[in-house]
Amino acid sequence: MVAPDDFQVWKRVVDNNLGATLICEDGNDRVVTAENIPYADFPAPGVELWFRGNVIYLPNAH
């Protein structure tokens, strides 16, 4: 469970074995939690989402 921080950065990073890692950071590049995903078929090599005030958005929408 992730603590209800006011601001969170969620990243999904693909590895070379068709898996991925889902990472939650506190906005200051400190990892709060991370989870390995053994198989992921999402076509993009990675994605980053920001969470603030119960809203999830893309960084360029800020």
PDB file of N, CA and C in Angstrom:
ATOM      1  N   MET A   1       0.848  -1.183   0.000  1.00  0.00           N
ATOM      2  CA  MET A   1       0.000   0.000   0.000  1.00  0.00           C
ATOM      3  C   MET A   1       0.892   1.244   0.000  1.00  0.00           C
ATOM      4  N   VAL A   2       0.507   2.205  -0.764  1.00  0.00           N
ATOM      5  CA  VAL A   2       1.263   3.448  -0.864  1.00  0.00           C
ATOM      6  C   VAL A   2       0.624   4.474   0.064  1.00  0.00           C
ATOM      7  N   ALA A   3       1.464   5.124   0.846  1.00  0.00           N
ATOM      8  CA  ALA A   3       0.974   6.162   1.747  1.00  0.00           C
ATOM      9  C   ALA A   3       0.310   7.272   0.935  1.00  0.00           C
ATOM     10  N   PRO A   4      -0.697   7.912   1.477  1.00  0.00           N
ATOM     11  CA  PRO A   4      -1.411   8.948   0.735  1.00  0.00           C
ATOM     12  C   PRO A   4      -0.603  10.247   0.612  1.00  0.00           C
ATOM     13  N   ASP A   5       0.517  10.181  -0.080  1.00  0.00           N
ATOM     14  CA  ASP A   5       1.309  11.387  -0.319  1.00  0.00           C
ATOM     15  C   ASP A   5       0.519  12.354  -1.191  1.00  0.00           C
ATOM     16  N   ASP A   6       0.752  13.627  -0.995  1.00  0.00           N
ATOM     17  CA  ASP A   6       0.070  14.643  -1.790  1.00  0.00           C
ATOM     18  C   ASP A   6       0.441  14.527  -3.269  1.00  0.00           C
ATOM     19  N   PHE A   7       1.673  14.125  -3.548  1.00  0.00           N
ATOM     20  CA  PHE A   7       2.134  14.022  -4.933  1.00  0.00           C
ATOM     21  C   PHE A   7       2.883  12.713  -5.109  1.00  0.00           C
ATOM     22  N   GLN A   8       2.580  11.997  -6.192  1.00  0.00           N
ATOM     23  CA  GLN A   8       3.249  10.736  -6.498  1.00  0.00           C
ATOM     24  C   GLN A   8       3.584  10.700  -7.986  1.00  0.00           C
ATOM     25  N   VAL A   9       4.677  10.053  -8.320  1.00  0.00           N
ATOM     26  CA  VAL A   9       5.057   9.808  -9.711  1.00  0.00           C
ATOM     27  C   VAL A   9       5.043   8.300  -9.913  1.00  0.00           C
ATOM     28  N   TRP A  10       4.262   7.839 -10.883  1.00  0.00           N
ATOM     29  CA  TRP A  10       4.178   6.414 -11.205  1.00  0.00           C
ATOM     30  C   TRP A  10       4.843   6.184 -12.547  1.00  0.00           C
ATOM     31  N   LYS A  11       5.772   5.231 -12.578  1.00  0.00           N
ATOM     32  CA  LYS A  11       6.499   4.918 -13.804  1.00  0.00           C
ATOM     33  C   LYS A  11       6.368   3.432 -14.101  1.00  0.00           C
ATOM     34  N   ARG A  12       6.186   3.127 -15.354  1.00  0.00           N
ATOM     35  CA  ARG A  12       6.210   1.750 -15.820  1.00  0.00           C
ATOM     36  C   ARG A  12       7.365   1.644 -16.789  1.00  0.00           C
ATOM     37  N   VAL A  13       8.330   0.793 -16.463  1.00  0.00           N
ATOM     38  CA  VAL A  13       9.550   0.650 -17.255  1.00  0.00           C
ATOM     39  C   VAL A  13       9.638  -0.786 -17.752  1.00  0.00           C
ATOM     40  N   VAL A  14       9.791  -0.963 -19.072  1.00  0.00           N
ATOM     41  CA  VAL A  14       9.883  -2.292 -19.670  1.00  0.00           C
ATOM     42  C   VAL A  14      11.318  -2.789 -19.595  1.00  0.00           C
ATOM     43  N   ASP A  15      11.473  -4.092 -19.308  1.00  0.00           N
ATOM     44  CA  ASP A  15      12.812  -4.677 -19.379  1.00  0.00           C
ATOM     45  C   ASP A  15      12.934  -5.480 -20.675  1.00  0.00           C
ATOM     46  N   ASN A  16      14.068  -6.044 -20.936  1.00  0.00           N
ATOM     47  CA  ASN A  16      14.330  -6.741 -22.192  1.00  0.00           C
ATOM     48  C   ASN A  16      13.670  -8.112 -22.287  1.00  0.00           C
ATOM     49  N   ASN A  17      13.093  -8.607 -21.215  1.00  0.00           N
ATOM     50  CA  ASN A  17      12.496  -9.946 -21.194  1.00  0.00           C
ATOM     51  C   ASN A  17      10.976  -9.906 -21.257  1.00  0.00           C
ATOM     52  N   LEU A  18      10.402  -8.868 -21.846  1.00  0.00           N
ATOM     53  CA  LEU A  18       8.952  -8.685 -21.972  1.00  0.00           C
ATOM     54  C   LEU A  18       8.251  -8.448 -20.646  1.00  0.00           C
ATOM     55  N   GLY A  19       8.994  -8.199 -19.611  1.00  0.00           N
ATOM     56  CA  GLY A  19       8.417  -7.853 -18.321  1.00  0.00           C
ATOM     57  C   GLY A  19       8.509  -6.355 -18.118  1.00  0.00           C
ATOM     58  N   ALA A  20       8.129  -5.922 -16.946  1.00  0.00           N
ATOM     59  CA  ALA A  20       8.174  -4.497 -16.639  1.00  0.00           C
ATOM     60  C   ALA A  20       8.287  -4.322 -15.128  1.00  0.00           C
ATOM     61  N   THR A  21       8.584  -3.096 -14.731  1.00  0.00           N
ATOM     62  CA  THR A  21       8.593  -2.726 -13.322  1.00  0.00           C
ATOM     63  C   THR A  21       7.690  -1.518 -13.152  1.00  0.00           C
ATOM     64  N   LEU A  22       6.803  -1.574 -12.182  1.00  0.00           N
ATOM     65  CA  LEU A  22       5.950  -0.450 -11.836  1.00  0.00           C
ATOM     66  C   LEU A  22       6.552   0.196 -10.598  1.00  0.00           C
ATOM     67  N   ILE A  23       6.873   1.477 -10.703  1.00  0.00           N
ATOM     68  CA  ILE A  23       7.574   2.192  -9.646  1.00  0.00           C
ATOM     69  C   ILE A  23       6.744   3.396  -9.206  1.00  0.00           C
ATOM     70  N   CYS A  24       6.637   3.585  -7.908  1.00  0.00           N
ATOM     71  CA  CYS A  24       6.008   4.785  -7.363  1.00  0.00           C
ATOM     72  C   CYS A  24       7.085   5.588  -6.644  1.00  0.00           C
ATOM     73  N   GLU A  25       7.217   6.864  -7.010  1.00  0.00           N
ATOM     74  CA  GLU A  25       8.183   7.767  -6.381  1.00  0.00           C
ATOM     75  C   GLU A  25       7.437   8.909  -5.702  1.00  0.00           C
ATOM     76  N   ASP A  26       8.131   9.591  -4.818  1.00  0.00           N
ATOM     77  CA  ASP A  26       7.524  10.684  -4.052  1.00  0.00           C
ATOM     78  C   ASP A  26       7.630  12.045  -4.728  1.00  0.00           C
ATOM     79  N   GLY A  27       8.126  12.104  -5.939  1.00  0.00           N
ATOM     80  CA  GLY A  27       8.291  13.373  -6.640  1.00  0.00           C
ATOM     81  C   GLY A  27       9.683  13.948  -6.496  1.00  0.00           C
ATOM     82  N   ASN A  28      10.500  13.362  -5.614  1.00  0.00           N
ATOM     83  CA  ASN A  28      11.890  13.775  -5.414  1.00  0.00           C
ATOM     84  C   ASN A  28      12.841  12.633  -5.754  1.00  0.00           C
ATOM     85  N   ASP A  29      12.430  11.776  -6.682  1.00  0.00           N
ATOM     86  CA  ASP A  29      13.214  10.627  -7.150  1.00  0.00           C
ATOM     87  C   ASP A  29      13.485   9.593  -6.065  1.00  0.00           C
ATOM     88  N   ARG A  30      12.690   9.595  -4.996  1.00  0.00           N
ATOM     89  CA  ARG A  30      12.815   8.560  -3.964  1.00  0.00           C
ATOM     90  C   ARG A  30      11.723   7.519  -4.190  1.00  0.00           C
ATOM     91  N   VAL A  31      12.131   6.268  -4.333  1.00  0.00           N
ATOM     92  CA  VAL A  31      11.184   5.188  -4.581  1.00  0.00           C
ATOM     93  C   VAL A  31      10.400   4.892  -3.296  1.00  0.00           C
ATOM     94  N   VAL A  32       9.073   4.908  -3.417  1.00  0.00           N
ATOM     95  CA  VAL A  32       8.188   4.568  -2.309  1.00  0.00           C
ATOM     96  C   VAL A  32       7.895   3.074  -2.354  1.00  0.00           C
ATOM     97  N   THR A  33       7.595   2.570  -3.541  1.00  0.00           N
ATOM     98  CA  THR A  33       7.354   1.149  -3.733  1.00  0.00           C
ATOM     99  C   THR A  33       7.626   0.792  -5.186  1.00  0.00           C
ATOM    100  N   ALA A  34       7.911  -0.472  -5.427  1.00  0.00           N
ATOM    101  CA  ALA A  34       8.141  -0.965  -6.789  1.00  0.00           C
ATOM    102  C   ALA A  34       7.668  -2.411  -6.852  1.00  0.00           C
ATOM    103  N   GLU A  35       7.158  -2.785  -8.007  1.00  0.00           N
ATOM    104  CA  GLU A  35       6.687  -4.151  -8.181  1.00  0.00           C
ATOM    105  C   GLU A  35       7.068  -4.650  -9.567  1.00  0.00           C
ATOM    106  N   ASN A  36       7.627  -5.847  -9.599  1.00  0.00           N
ATOM    107  CA  ASN A  36       7.997  -6.475 -10.856  1.00  0.00           C
ATOM    108  C   ASN A  36       6.749  -7.073 -11.503  1.00  0.00           C
ATOM    109  N   ILE A  37       6.607  -6.876 -12.813  1.00  0.00           N
ATOM    110  CA  ILE A  37       5.520  -7.458 -13.587  1.00  0.00           C
ATOM    111  C   ILE A  37       6.175  -8.423 -14.565  1.00  0.00           C
ATOM    112  N   PRO A  38       5.987  -9.741 -14.392  1.00  0.00           N
ATOM    113  CA  PRO A  38       6.720 -10.712 -15.196  1.00  0.00           C
ATOM    114  C   PRO A  38       6.413 -10.656 -16.690  1.00  0.00           C
ATOM    115  N   TYR A  39       5.192 -10.294 -17.059  1.00  0.00           N
ATOM    116  CA  TYR A  39       4.842 -10.197 -18.473  1.00  0.00           C
ATOM    117  C   TYR A  39       3.968  -8.974 -18.681  1.00  0.00           C
ATOM    118  N   ALA A  40       4.298  -8.185 -19.686  1.00  0.00           N
ATOM    119  CA  ALA A  40       3.519  -6.996 -20.015  1.00  0.00           C
ATOM    120  C   ALA A  40       3.515  -6.811 -21.524  1.00  0.00           C
ATOM    121  N   ASP A  41       2.341  -6.620 -22.114  1.00  0.00           N
ATOM    122  CA  ASP A  41       2.274  -6.455 -23.562  1.00  0.00           C
ATOM    123  C   ASP A  41       1.925  -5.029 -23.984  1.00  0.00           C
ATOM    124  N   PHE A  42       2.021  -4.090 -23.071  1.00  0.00           N
ATOM    125  CA  PHE A  42       1.812  -2.680 -23.395  1.00  0.00           C
ATOM    126  C   PHE A  42       2.887  -2.258 -24.383  1.00  0.00           C
ATOM    127  N   PRO A  43       2.541  -1.673 -25.545  1.00  0.00           N
ATOM    128  CA  PRO A  43       3.526  -1.446 -26.606  1.00  0.00           C
ATOM    129  C   PRO A  43       4.586  -0.372 -26.325  1.00  0.00           C
ATOM    130  N   ALA A  44       4.300   0.585 -25.482  1.00  0.00           N
ATOM    131  CA  ALA A  44       5.272   1.653 -25.219  1.00  0.00           C
ATOM    132  C   ALA A  44       6.384   1.138 -24.307  1.00  0.00           C
ATOM    133  N   PRO A  45       7.615   1.634 -24.486  1.00  0.00           N
ATOM    134  CA  PRO A  45       8.723   1.190 -23.645  1.00  0.00           C
ATOM    135  C   PRO A  45       8.628   1.678 -22.207  1.00  0.00           C
ATOM    136  N   GLY A  46       7.833   2.676 -21.979  1.00  0.00           N
ATOM    137  CA  GLY A  46       7.658   3.194 -20.631  1.00  0.00           C
ATOM    138  C   GLY A  46       6.594   4.265 -20.617  1.00  0.00           C
ATOM    139  N   VAL A  47       6.077   4.539 -19.458  1.00  0.00           N
ATOM    140  CA  VAL A  47       5.081   5.597 -19.303  1.00  0.00           C
ATOM    141  C   VAL A  47       5.236   6.184 -17.907  1.00  0.00           C
ATOM    142  N   GLU A  48       4.944   7.468 -17.787  1.00  0.00           N
ATOM    143  CA  GLU A  48       5.012   8.142 -16.490  1.00  0.00           C
ATOM    144  C   GLU A  48       3.705   8.880 -16.265  1.00  0.00           C
ATOM    145  N   LEU A  49       3.128   8.672 -15.104  1.00  0.00           N
ATOM    146  CA  LEU A  49       1.896   9.350 -14.716  1.00  0.00           C
ATOM    147  C   LEU A  49       2.121  10.065 -13.389  1.00  0.00           C
ATOM    148  N   TRP A  50       1.487  11.216 -13.237  1.00  0.00           N
ATOM    149  CA  TRP A  50       1.579  11.955 -11.984  1.00  0.00           C
ATOM    150  C   TRP A  50       0.227  11.890 -11.281  1.00  0.00           C
ATOM    151  N   PHE A  51       0.275  11.848  -9.964  1.00  0.00           N
ATOM    152  CA  PHE A  51      -0.929  11.788  -9.147  1.00  0.00           C
ATOM    153  C   PHE A  51      -0.880  12.918  -8.136  1.00  0.00           C
ATOM    154  N   ARG A  52      -1.945  13.708  -8.101  1.00  0.00           N
ATOM    155  CA  ARG A  52      -2.037  14.799  -7.116  1.00  0.00           C
ATOM    156  C   ARG A  52      -3.505  15.153  -6.912  1.00  0.00           C
ATOM    157  N   GLY A  53      -3.900  15.267  -5.682  1.00  0.00           N
ATOM    158  CA  GLY A  53      -5.276  15.666  -5.387  1.00  0.00           C
ATOM    159  C   GLY A  53      -6.320  14.731  -5.964  1.00  0.00           C
ATOM    160  N   ASN A  54      -6.058  13.430  -5.899  1.00  0.00           N
ATOM    161  CA  ASN A  54      -6.978  12.409  -6.421  1.00  0.00           C
ATOM    162  C   ASN A  54      -7.165  12.486  -7.923  1.00  0.00           C
ATOM    163  N   VAL A  55      -6.211  13.066  -8.637  1.00  0.00           N
ATOM    164  CA  VAL A  55      -6.243  13.139 -10.096  1.00  0.00           C
ATOM    165  C   VAL A  55      -4.961  12.543 -10.646  1.00  0.00           C
ATOM    166  N   ILE A  56      -5.093  11.690 -11.657  1.00  0.00           N
ATOM    167  CA  ILE A  56      -3.941  11.110 -12.347  1.00  0.00           C
ATOM    168  C   ILE A  56      -3.831  11.790 -13.703  1.00  0.00           C
ATOM    169  N   TYR A  57      -2.627  12.270 -14.046  1.00  0.00           N
ATOM    170  CA  TYR A  57      -2.451  12.955 -15.328  1.00  0.00           C
ATOM    171  C   TYR A  57      -1.058  12.743 -15.879  1.00  0.00           C
ATOM    172  N   LEU A  58      -0.892  13.037 -17.161  1.00  0.00           N
ATOM    173  CA  LEU A  58       0.417  12.956 -17.801  1.00  0.00           C
ATOM    174  C   LEU A  58       1.238  14.181 -17.416  1.00  0.00           C
ATOM    175  N   PRO A  59       2.563  14.035 -17.308  1.00  0.00           N
ATOM    176  CA  PRO A  59       3.400  15.178 -16.916  1.00  0.00           C
ATOM    177  C   PRO A  59       3.246  16.395 -17.833  1.00  0.00           C
ATOM    178  N   ASN A  60       3.024  16.182 -19.129  1.00  0.00           N
ATOM    179  CA  ASN A  60       2.910  17.333 -20.020  1.00  0.00           C
ATOM    180  C   ASN A  60       1.564  18.047 -19.889  1.00  0.00           C
ATOM    181  N   ALA A  61       0.641  17.495 -19.103  1.00  0.00           N
ATOM    182  CA  ALA A  61      -0.655  18.144 -18.860  1.00  0.00           C
ATOM    183  C   ALA A  61      -0.604  19.044 -17.635  1.00  0.00           C
ATOM    184  N   HIS A  62       0.537  19.148 -17.004  1.00  0.00           N
ATOM    185  CA  HIS A  62       0.688  19.936 -15.782  1.00  0.00           C
ATOM    186  C   HIS A  62       0.803  21.394 -16.089  1.00  0.00           C
TER     187      HIS A  62
END
